[in-house]
Structures are given as structure tokens and as C-alpha cells.
């Protein structure tokens, strides 16, 4: 299984969309620190939303669409409005 996921930092309120085959391990890695975009000294990255795919190609295509097309990400954020306000 492959996952496209949407994270939000509980302090900075930044969001991140990614792709993985192991969502639990990936979330741990986002919160461990380091030099990647999603590492922050403050706050914790929280999983807000995930989609599951059997096909890696389908998951990668969806991730690209959400990252590269503002309208896809914008629509997802609109759908998750109340979830984002609660975190």
C-alpha cells in the first residue's frame, strides 16, 4: 500500500504533502529533526489526512497533483477546514 499524506505543524501551522509506503515510520522521521523542509525546532507534525493506493504510480501522481497544482491543495484544505481549525 502507498499513502499520500497531509501534515500540519501544530506550532508554525505550516502544511506539508508527501508520499510514502510506511506512513507510521514517515511521520516519526518528520518529527525527528534534521535538515529537511519538515524539520522544525518547535512543534510537532500531525497527520491531518491520508489517502491509500494500491498502485505506487497512482499515489505518486496524486502527490504531484496536490503539490504542483494549487487548486488541488486548495480544495483539500477547504474540505478539511474544520479539522485544520481543531489542531
Protein backbone atom coordinates (compact mmCIF):
# COMPACT_ATOMS: atom_id res chain seq x y z
CA UNK A 1 0.00 0.00 0.00
CA UNK A 2 1.08 3.55 -0.71
CA UNK A 3 -0.02 6.70 1.06
CA UNK A 4 -0.38 10.34 0.10
CA UNK A 5 -0.50 12.30 3.33
CA UNK A 6 -1.13 15.82 4.58
CA UNK A 7 0.69 17.08 7.67
CA UNK A 8 0.40 20.24 9.72
CA UNK A 9 2.84 21.64 12.26
CA UNK A 10 0.96 22.39 15.48
CA UNK A 11 3.07 25.50 16.25
CA UNK A 12 4.00 27.08 12.91
CA UNK A 13 0.74 25.94 11.22
CA UNK A 14 2.75 25.07 8.08
CA UNK A 15 1.43 22.23 5.96
CA UNK A 16 3.20 19.51 4.01
CA UNK A 17 2.04 16.92 1.47
CA UNK A 18 4.07 13.77 0.93
CA UNK A 19 4.12 10.19 -0.33
CA UNK A 20 5.28 7.02 1.44
CA UNK A 21 4.85 3.28 1.68
CA UNK A 22 5.15 3.35 5.51
CA UNK A 23 3.13 6.19 6.98
CA UNK A 24 3.93 5.48 10.64
CA UNK A 25 7.68 5.47 10.07
CA UNK A 26 7.50 8.52 7.82
CA UNK A 27 5.69 10.58 10.46
CA UNK A 28 8.34 9.60 13.02
CA UNK A 29 11.08 10.72 10.61
CA UNK A 30 9.36 14.07 10.01
CA UNK A 31 9.39 14.72 13.76
CA UNK A 32 12.95 13.52 14.48
CA UNK A 33 14.70 16.65 13.24
CA UNK A 34 17.39 17.15 10.66
CA UNK A 35 17.81 19.39 7.63
CA UNK A 36 14.70 18.64 5.60
CA UNK A 37 11.87 21.07 4.92
CA UNK A 38 9.62 19.47 7.53
CA UNK A 39 12.03 19.61 10.44
CA UNK A 40 11.40 22.36 12.94
CA UNK A 41 12.81 23.11 16.36
CA UNK A 42 9.33 23.85 17.65
CA UNK A 43 6.11 21.97 17.22
CA UNK A 44 5.12 18.54 16.09
CA UNK A 45 3.96 17.46 12.67
CA UNK A 46 0.47 15.95 12.92
CA UNK A 47 -1.19 13.72 10.37
CA UNK A 48 -4.31 15.51 9.16
CA UNK A 49 -5.34 13.40 6.18
CA UNK A 50 -4.20 10.37 4.19
CA UNK A 51 -5.24 8.60 1.00
CA UNK A 52 -4.35 4.95 0.38
CA UNK A 53 -3.45 3.50 -3.01
CA UNK A 54 -2.57 0.01 -4.21
CA UNK A 55 -0.56 1.45 -7.08
CA UNK A 56 2.64 3.39 -6.41
CA UNK A 57 2.19 5.20 -9.72
CA UNK A 58 -1.29 6.38 -8.74
CA UNK A 59 -0.07 7.60 -5.35
CA UNK A 60 2.87 9.48 -6.87
CA UNK A 61 0.59 11.08 -9.47
CA UNK A 62 -1.81 12.24 -6.75
CA UNK A 63 1.03 13.67 -4.66
CA UNK A 64 2.36 15.57 -7.69
CA UNK A 65 -1.10 16.92 -8.45
CA UNK A 66 -1.56 18.19 -4.91
CA UNK A 67 1.92 19.71 -4.75
CA UNK A 68 2.07 21.22 -8.24
CA UNK A 69 -1.48 22.38 -8.77
CA UNK A 70 -2.58 24.95 -6.22
CA UNK A 71 -6.23 24.19 -6.91
CA UNK A 72 -5.89 20.56 -5.77
CA UNK A 73 -4.26 21.54 -2.49
CA UNK A 74 -6.69 24.43 -2.06
CA UNK A 75 -9.69 22.12 -2.49
CA UNK A 76 -8.24 19.64 0.02
CA UNK A 77 -7.71 22.43 2.56
CA UNK A 78 -11.31 23.61 2.04
CA UNK A 79 -12.56 20.06 2.67
CA UNK A 80 -10.51 19.84 5.86
CA UNK A 81 -11.33 23.33 7.17
CA UNK A 82 -12.80 22.19 10.48
CA UNK A 83 -10.07 19.59 11.01
CA UNK A 84 -7.37 22.21 10.49
CA UNK A 85 -9.04 24.57 12.93
CA UNK A 86 -9.19 21.87 15.61
CA UNK A 87 -5.47 21.01 15.55
